[in-house]
Protein backbone atom coordinates (compact mmCIF):
# COMPACT_ATOMS: atom_id res chain seq x y z
CA MET A 1 -10.80 -18.46 -3.95
CA GLU A 2 -10.36 -21.17 -1.31
CA GLN A 3 -10.81 -23.78 -4.08
CA LEU A 4 -8.83 -22.00 -6.78
CA ALA A 5 -5.80 -20.82 -4.76
CA PRO A 6 -4.39 -24.31 -3.96
CA ILE A 7 -4.58 -25.24 -7.65
CA LEU A 8 -2.76 -22.07 -8.70
CA ILE A 9 -0.14 -22.50 -5.98
CA ALA A 10 0.60 -26.05 -7.16
CA ASP A 11 0.93 -24.80 -10.75
CA LEU A 12 3.12 -21.80 -9.91
CA GLU A 13 5.44 -23.09 -7.20
CA PRO A 14 7.78 -25.10 -9.47
CA TRP A 15 8.51 -21.93 -11.48
CA LYS A 16 9.39 -19.45 -8.76
CA ASP A 17 13.15 -19.81 -9.28
CA THR A 18 12.96 -19.82 -13.07
CA PRO A 19 14.57 -16.67 -14.53
CA GLU A 20 12.15 -14.34 -16.28
CA PRO A 21 12.70 -13.88 -20.03
CA THR A 22 14.96 -11.00 -21.00
CA LEU A 23 13.69 -9.39 -24.17
CA GLY A 24 15.46 -6.06 -23.81
CA VAL A 25 14.21 -2.48 -23.90
CA LEU A 26 11.41 -1.31 -26.19
CA TYR A 27 10.67 2.42 -26.35
CA SER A 28 12.60 2.95 -23.10
CA HIS A 29 10.55 0.25 -21.36
CA ASN A 30 12.35 -2.67 -19.75
CA THR A 31 10.23 -5.62 -20.89
CA SER A 32 11.32 -7.63 -17.83
CA ASP A 33 9.02 -5.38 -15.80
CA GLY A 34 6.06 -6.83 -17.69
CA TYR A 35 6.25 -10.09 -15.74
CA PHE A 36 4.58 -10.74 -12.41
CA PRO A 37 7.00 -12.27 -9.88
CA ILE A 38 5.89 -15.77 -8.98
CA ARG A 39 6.82 -15.22 -5.34
CA PHE A 40 4.53 -12.19 -5.09
CA LEU A 41 1.67 -14.21 -6.57
CA LEU A 42 2.35 -17.13 -4.22
CA GLY A 43 2.44 -14.76 -1.27
CA ASP A 44 -0.91 -13.25 -2.23
CA LEU A 45 -2.55 -16.64 -2.77
CA ASN A 46 -1.39 -17.90 0.62
CA LEU A 47 -2.53 -14.66 2.24
CA TRP A 48 -6.02 -15.24 0.84
CA LEU A 49 -6.02 -18.83 2.07
CA GLY A 50 -5.04 -17.55 5.50
CA ALA A 51 -8.13 -15.34 5.44
CA TYR A 52 -10.37 -18.31 4.71
CA TYR A 53 -8.60 -20.65 7.16
CA ASN A 54 -7.49 -18.13 9.76
CA ASP A 55 -6.67 -20.77 12.39
CA ASP A 56 -4.06 -22.37 10.11
CA LEU A 57 -1.01 -20.16 10.56
CA THR A 58 1.01 -22.09 7.99
CA TYR A 59 -0.60 -20.05 5.22
CA TYR A 60 0.57 -16.79 6.78
CA GLU A 61 4.08 -18.15 7.25
CA LYS A 62 4.19 -19.28 3.62
CA ALA A 63 2.99 -15.86 2.50
CA ALA A 64 5.55 -14.05 4.67
CA THR A 65 8.31 -16.35 3.38
CA GLU A 66 7.50 -15.70 -0.28
CA TYR A 67 7.31 -11.93 0.26
CA HIS A 68 10.55 -11.89 2.25
CA ASP A 69 12.42 -14.02 -0.27
CA LEU A 70 11.35 -11.71 -3.10
CA MET A 71 12.55 -8.68 -1.12
CA TYR A 72 15.90 -10.38 -0.54
CA LYS A 73 16.33 -11.77 -4.04
CA GLU A 74 15.59 -8.46 -5.79
CA SER A 75 16.73 -6.06 -3.01
CA TYR A 76 13.33 -4.38 -2.84
CA LEU A 77 13.32 -1.62 -0.21
CA ILE A 78 11.19 1.13 1.22
CA SER A 79 14.00 3.41 0.18
CA ARG A 80 14.82 6.64 1.98
CA ASN A 81 15.10 8.23 -1.45
CA TYR A 82 11.36 7.78 -1.89
CA LYS A 83 10.10 10.04 0.88
CA SER A 84 8.04 13.22 0.70
CA SER A 85 8.88 15.99 3.15
CA TYR A 86 7.82 19.46 4.25
CA GLY A 87 10.21 22.36 4.34
CA VAL A 88 10.93 23.61 7.85
CA THR A 89 12.61 26.93 8.60
CA GLY A 90 13.37 28.06 12.14
CA GLY A 91 11.14 25.40 13.63
CA VAL A 92 8.17 26.45 11.46
CA PHE A 93 6.58 24.50 8.60
CA ASN A 94 6.80 26.79 5.57
CA ARG A 95 4.65 24.50 3.41
CA ASN A 96 7.28 24.18 0.73
CA TYR A 97 7.44 20.46 0.24
CA THR A 98 9.16 17.89 -1.90
CA VAL A 99 7.02 15.03 -3.13
CA TRP A 100 8.21 11.66 -4.31
CA TYR A 101 6.15 10.42 -7.26
CA PHE A 102 5.98 6.66 -7.38
CA TYR A 103 6.09 6.41 -11.19
CA GLU A 104 9.50 8.09 -11.31
CA SER A 105 11.10 5.45 -9.12
CA GLY A 106 13.65 2.82 -9.96
CA ASN A 107 13.58 -0.17 -7.65
CA GLU A 108 10.09 0.68 -6.38
CA LYS A 109 8.62 -0.85 -9.53
CA ILE A 110 8.12 -4.61 -9.53
CA SER A 111 5.73 -5.16 -12.45
CA ASP A 112 3.79 -2.94 -14.79
CA ILE A 113 1.56 -2.60 -17.84
CA ALA A 114 3.18 -0.41 -20.49
CA SER A 115 2.01 1.83 -23.29
CA THR A 116 4.49 2.76 -26.03
CA ASN A 117 2.87 5.98 -27.35
CA GLU A 118 3.77 5.06 -30.90
CA VAL A 119 0.81 7.09 -32.11
CA ASP A 120 2.61 10.23 -30.90
CA VAL A 121 -0.07 11.51 -28.54
CA ASN A 122 0.04 12.14 -24.84
CA TYR A 123 -0.61 9.13 -22.68
CA GLU A 124 -3.62 9.19 -20.37
CA LEU A 125 -5.07 6.35 -18.33
CA ASP A 126 -8.37 7.15 -20.03
CA SER A 127 -10.52 10.13 -21.00
CA LEU A 128 -12.00 10.29 -17.49
CA THR A 129 -8.59 11.08 -16.06
CA LEU A 130 -7.75 13.50 -18.86
CA ASN A 131 -10.96 15.45 -18.29
CA ARG A 132 -10.58 15.36 -14.51
CA MET A 133 -13.75 13.33 -14.15
CA LEU A 134 -12.40 10.92 -11.50
CA THR A 135 -12.82 12.40 -8.06
CA PRO A 136 -11.67 10.95 -4.73
CA SER A 137 -14.21 10.50 -1.96
CA SER A 138 -14.26 12.86 0.98
CA ALA A 139 -13.35 9.84 3.11
CA ALA A 140 -10.11 9.40 1.14
CA ILE A 141 -9.20 13.08 1.48
CA ASN A 142 -9.97 12.99 5.19
CA ASN A 143 -7.77 9.91 5.61
CA TRP A 144 -4.72 11.85 4.37
CA ASN A 145 -5.64 15.13 6.04
CA THR A 146 -5.99 13.64 9.52
CA GLN A 147 -2.58 11.95 9.62
CA VAL A 148 0.10 13.45 11.84
CA TYR A 149 3.29 14.50 10.04
CA VAL A 150 6.30 14.40 12.39
CA GLU A 151 9.39 16.52 11.84
CA ASN A 152 10.92 15.70 15.23
CA LYS A 153 9.80 14.90 18.77
CA LEU A 154 8.83 18.53 19.38
CA LEU A 155 7.49 19.55 15.98
CA ASP A 156 4.60 18.07 14.02
CA THR A 157 1.69 19.10 11.83
CA ILE A 158 -1.33 17.56 10.14
CA GLY A 159 -1.36 16.02 6.68
CA ASP A 160 0.07 13.01 4.84
CA LEU A 161 2.05 14.25 1.83
CA ARG A 162 1.16 11.17 -0.22
CA ALA A 163 -2.07 13.00 -1.00
CA LYS A 164 0.03 15.29 -3.21
CA LEU A 165 0.98 12.44 -5.54
CA SER A 166 -2.57 11.10 -5.75
CA VAL A 167 -4.97 14.03 -6.03
CA SER A 168 -4.98 17.72 -6.92
CA LYS A 169 -7.37 20.61 -6.41
CA SER A 170 -9.73 21.17 -9.32
CA TYR A 171 -8.91 23.98 -11.73
CA TYR A 172 -12.60 24.34 -12.55
CA THR A 173 -14.58 27.24 -11.11
CA SER A 174 -17.84 25.32 -11.39
CA TYR A 175 -18.82 21.67 -11.47
CA THR A 176 -20.97 21.76 -14.59
CA ASP A 177 -18.37 19.66 -16.41
CA LEU A 178 -17.65 17.27 -13.57
CA ASN A 179 -19.52 14.23 -12.36
CA VAL A 180 -19.11 15.19 -8.71
CA VAL A 181 -21.59 13.93 -6.12
CA ASP A 182 -20.11 16.00 -3.30
CA LYS A 183 -19.90 19.57 -4.63
CA SER A 184 -17.60 20.57 -1.75
CA ASN A 185 -14.99 18.08 -2.93
CA ARG A 186 -12.72 20.16 -5.16
CA TYR A 187 -10.21 17.36 -5.81
CA PHE A 188 -9.65 15.09 -8.78
CA VAL A 189 -7.44 12.02 -9.17
CA THR A 190 -4.08 12.82 -10.77
CA LYS A 191 -2.01 9.76 -9.91
CA TYR A 192 -1.97 8.53 -13.50
CA LEU A 193 -2.41 11.86 -15.25
CA GLN A 194 1.08 12.73 -14.01
CA THR A 195 2.69 9.87 -15.94
CA ASN A 196 2.84 12.04 -19.07
CA TYR A 197 6.13 13.37 -20.33
CA SER A 198 5.94 17.16 -20.53
CA SER A 199 8.23 17.53 -23.54
CA LEU A 200 6.77 17.02 -27.02
CA THR A 201 10.01 15.36 -28.08
CA THR A 202 9.53 12.51 -25.61
CA LYS A 203 5.99 11.46 -26.47
CA LYS A 204 7.15 8.20 -27.96
CA LYS A 205 8.74 7.04 -24.73
CA SER A 206 6.87 4.36 -22.83
CA ASN A 207 4.52 5.17 -20.00
CA VAL A 208 3.54 2.60 -17.46
CA ILE A 209 0.92 1.67 -14.90
CA MET A 210 2.55 -0.11 -11.98
CA VAL A 211 0.67 -3.16 -10.73
CA TYR A 212 3.06 -4.52 -8.13
CA ARG A 213 5.52 -2.27 -6.32
CA ALA A 214 7.67 -2.32 -3.21
CA GLY A 215 5.25 -0.35 -1.03
CA LEU A 216 2.53 -2.92 -1.62
CA LEU A 217 4.98 -5.78 -1.08
CA TYR A 218 5.96 -4.57 2.40
CA LEU A 219 2.34 -3.93 3.40
CA ARG A 220 1.32 -7.43 2.33
CA TYR A 221 4.27 -8.80 4.32
CA ALA A 222 3.13 -6.79 7.36
CA GLU A 223 -0.38 -8.19 6.99
CA ALA A 224 0.96 -11.75 6.96
CA VAL A 225 3.35 -11.48 9.94
CA ASN A 226 0.79 -9.60 11.99
CA ARG A 227 -1.56 -12.56 11.68
CA LEU A 228 1.31 -14.81 12.69
CA GLY A 229 1.05 -13.12 16.10
CA LYS A 230 3.84 -10.60 15.49
CA PRO A 231 2.13 -7.19 15.66
CA ASN A 232 5.32 -5.39 16.73
CA LEU A 233 7.17 -6.71 13.69
CA ALA A 234 4.30 -5.61 11.45
CA MET A 235 4.31 -2.21 13.15
CA ALA A 236 8.06 -1.98 12.53
CA ALA A 237 7.42 -2.36 8.79
CA LEU A 238 5.12 0.67 9.00
CA LYS A 239 7.01 2.86 11.46
CA TYR A 240 10.74 2.06 11.59
CA GLY A 241 11.78 0.02 8.57
CA LEU A 242 12.80 -3.63 8.47
CA ASN A 243 16.56 -3.75 8.93
CA LYS A 244 19.23 -4.97 11.33
CA VAL A 245 18.91 -2.00 13.69
CA THR A 246 15.15 -2.47 14.02
CA LEU A 247 15.28 -6.24 14.48
CA THR A 248 17.89 -6.02 17.23
CA ASN A 249 16.00 -3.33 19.16
CA LYS A 250 13.85 -5.24 21.65
CA LYS A 251 11.71 -2.16 22.25
CA TYR A 252 10.63 -2.31 18.63
CA VAL A 253 10.44 -6.07 18.15
CA PRO A 254 10.47 -8.02 21.45
CA GLU A 255 12.13 -11.39 21.72
CA ILE A 256 8.76 -13.07 22.20
CA GLU A 257 8.21 -12.34 18.48
CA THR A 258 11.70 -13.02 17.14
CA GLY A 259 12.51 -16.06 19.23
CA ALA A 260 16.02 -16.97 20.31
CA ALA A 261 16.96 -17.35 16.64
CA ILE A 262 15.27 -15.14 14.05
CA PRO A 263 13.36 -17.31 11.54
CA PRO A 264 14.38 -16.90 7.89
CA TYR A 265 11.25 -14.97 6.89
CA MET A 266 12.08 -12.36 9.56
CA ASP A 267 15.75 -11.99 8.70
CA PHE A 268 16.47 -8.43 7.55
CA THR A 269 20.02 -8.30 8.90
CA ASP A 270 21.64 -8.32 5.45
CA VAL A 271 23.34 -5.08 4.45
CA ARG A 272 20.95 -4.66 1.51
CA PHE A 273 18.19 -3.77 4.01
CA ASP A 274 20.23 -1.19 5.95
CA TYR A 275 18.45 1.78 4.36
CA ASN A 276 14.94 0.43 4.74
CA MET A 277 12.48 2.86 6.31
CA GLY A 278 8.90 2.49 7.47
CA VAL A 279 6.15 2.73 4.83
CA HIS A 280 4.31 5.38 6.87
CA MET A 281 7.43 7.57 6.81
CA ARG A 282 6.95 8.10 3.09
CA GLY A 283 4.19 10.62 3.70
CA CYS A 284 4.29 11.39 7.44
CA GLY A 285 7.88 12.33 8.12
CA ASN A 286 9.96 10.98 10.96
CA VAL A 287 7.25 8.94 12.67
CA ASN A 288 10.02 6.59 13.82
CA VAL A 289 10.81 9.09 16.63
CA ASP A 290 7.17 9.64 17.58
CA THR A 291 5.98 8.12 20.87
CA THR A 292 2.58 9.85 21.05
CA TYR A 293 0.50 9.38 17.93
CA TYR A 294 1.65 6.41 15.90
CA ARG A 295 2.07 3.48 18.27
CA ILE A 296 0.39 0.35 19.58
CA PRO A 297 -1.62 1.16 22.72
CA ASP A 298 -0.93 -0.66 25.97
CA PHE A 299 -3.42 -3.52 26.10
CA ALA A 300 -1.97 -4.97 29.33
CA ALA A 301 -5.31 -4.60 31.12
CA SER A 302 -7.15 -6.45 28.36
CA THR A 303 -8.27 -10.06 28.72
CA GLN A 304 -6.59 -10.78 25.35
CA PRO A 305 -3.79 -8.22 24.90
CA LYS A 306 -2.04 -10.00 22.03
CA GLN A 307 -5.21 -10.41 19.98
CA ASP A 308 -6.15 -6.78 20.62
CA SER A 309 -2.71 -5.71 19.38
CA VAL A 310 -3.09 -7.82 16.23
CA ILE A 311 -6.49 -6.29 15.45
CA TYR A 312 -5.23 -2.77 16.15
CA VAL A 313 -2.21 -3.18 13.86
CA GLU A 314 -4.31 -4.81 11.15
CA ASP A 315 -6.52 -1.73 11.16
CA LEU A 316 -3.40 0.42 10.77
CA ILE A 317 -2.24 -1.74 7.86
CA GLU A 318 -5.65 -1.44 6.22
CA LYS A 319 -5.50 2.34 6.56
CA GLU A 320 -1.89 2.40 5.34
CA LEU A 321 -2.91 0.48 2.23
CA ALA A 322 -5.35 3.29 1.48
CA LEU A 323 -2.77 6.00 2.15
CA GLU A 324 0.02 4.37 0.14
CA THR A 325 -1.76 2.60 -2.73
CA ALA A 326 -4.81 4.79 -3.34
CA PHE A 327 -6.45 4.36 -6.77
CA GLU A 328 -4.10 1.50 -7.74
CA GLY A 329 -6.81 -1.15 -7.92
CA ASN A 330 -6.36 -3.00 -4.61
CA ARG A 331 -8.79 -1.40 -2.19
CA PHE A 332 -11.93 -3.49 -2.57
CA HIS A 333 -10.01 -6.76 -2.47
CA ASP A 334 -7.95 -5.69 0.55
CA LEU A 335 -11.17 -4.97 2.43
CA MET A 336 -12.66 -8.26 1.24
CA ARG A 337 -9.71 -10.24 2.54
CA ILE A 338 -9.80 -8.66 6.00
CA ALA A 339 -13.59 -8.92 6.21
CA ILE A 340 -13.44 -12.63 5.34
CA ARG A 341 -10.65 -13.15 7.89
CA ARG A 342 -12.74 -11.50 10.61
CA ASN A 343 -15.99 -13.05 9.38
CA SER A 344 -17.44 -9.54 9.38
CA GLU A 345 -19.34 -8.31 6.33
CA SER A 346 -19.77 -4.94 8.04
CA TYR A 347 -16.01 -4.40 7.97
CA LEU A 348 -16.20 -3.98 4.21
CA ALA A 349 -19.73 -2.60 4.04
CA ASP A 350 -19.06 0.26 6.47
CA LYS A 351 -15.95 1.46 4.68
CA ILE A 352 -17.30 1.20 1.14
CA SER A 353 -20.66 2.82 1.92
CA ALA A 354 -18.94 5.72 3.74
CA LYS A 355 -17.67 7.15 0.47
CA TYR A 356 -21.18 7.66 -0.92
CA ALA A 357 -23.55 10.58 -0.40
CA PRO A 358 -25.40 10.29 2.96
CA ALA A 359 -28.72 9.52 1.30
CA GLN A 360 -27.17 6.49 -0.44
CA GLN A 361 -25.10 5.05 2.37
CA SER A 362 -27.76 2.89 4.03
CA ALA A 363 -28.80 1.18 0.79
CA ILE A 364 -25.18 0.56 -0.24
CA LYS A 365 -24.30 -0.86 3.16
CA ASN A 366 -27.33 -3.18 3.20
CA LYS A 367 -26.38 -4.49 -0.22
CA LEU A 368 -22.77 -5.10 0.79
CA MET A 369 -23.80 -6.96 3.92
CA GLN A 370 -24.49 -9.85 1.55
CA ARG A 371 -21.21 -11.44 0.38
CA THR A 372 -22.76 -12.53 -2.89
CA ASN A 373 -22.95 -8.86 -3.83
CA TRP A 374 -19.17 -8.50 -3.54
CA TYR A 375 -18.77 -10.28 -6.91
CA LEU A 376 -19.68 -9.55 -10.49
CA LYS A 377 -22.18 -12.12 -11.79
CA TYR A 378 -23.59 -12.85 -15.22
């Protein structure tokens, strides 16, 4: 990657302001969504180079700039319309909830792979999804179930509602038909199963798998600015939302991070960002008012408080990537990038091996402690 990325960046950079082709709508699918934004690709490539050359902050600034400029150019937001919420009656959670499904969104989608359904059959990601053969690990379920959902400063509960758009309880009474290692895990992955149209008359409409979307864009931006030494700004992307109100609140983003004049890649004062919310709010309610659970600890007594804050927030971003983008094809590479940045094979090995049955974990971890085993070889 450290050899390939500079070559790709040099090839791609001249094209980032070139308009994408407009070929119209085919089977209800906007073909413009089939293109990958050059700025997103450039941001990712620079983010990887930052991991390999962590002392060179220019890579992180370039990544943050490309991500920010794409947000601005296309008005990509963590929209308040895309938020799941519990029902609360008389100060009590009644467990009636509304769930935002990412595939139904408008401006959330950045790029996708489409299927037209011309053969007039229901669309499934593959037969494994159709037959409920893909099961989430207990670690993934626990990650959602241990999050704190905040209704207000005095009322909270446990559980990230984004689990509802990713997995469902199994309808099977036994596991004879399921390839389930952990028999106590009664969940199966439904994130893509739910892309079907329910009406027989709409089978020929397109169905899509999103590759890039706004949630991922903001989390990649947070990863970049955090490594630029701006953990409060990165935390703001998770907790408050990047907008004028957040950037001017020194309790959220202190002046030591913004400087006397906000640099262009941190400028979210435009009106188009006014309704931005924090990514974590999508599944955990009004965490923006929480001062107990979701916050950066006080590292004032530490010998390196800023670095401790950066590491702490990076761990939150890594967890948020799992909460927000589960089963979307990013997880292994996200862990690779952070492990390379920290020069810590165990960072990846611990998290990947944890999803296996206890008897397998040691062997899997030992294998992943060798970086050469992170890649497919032939």
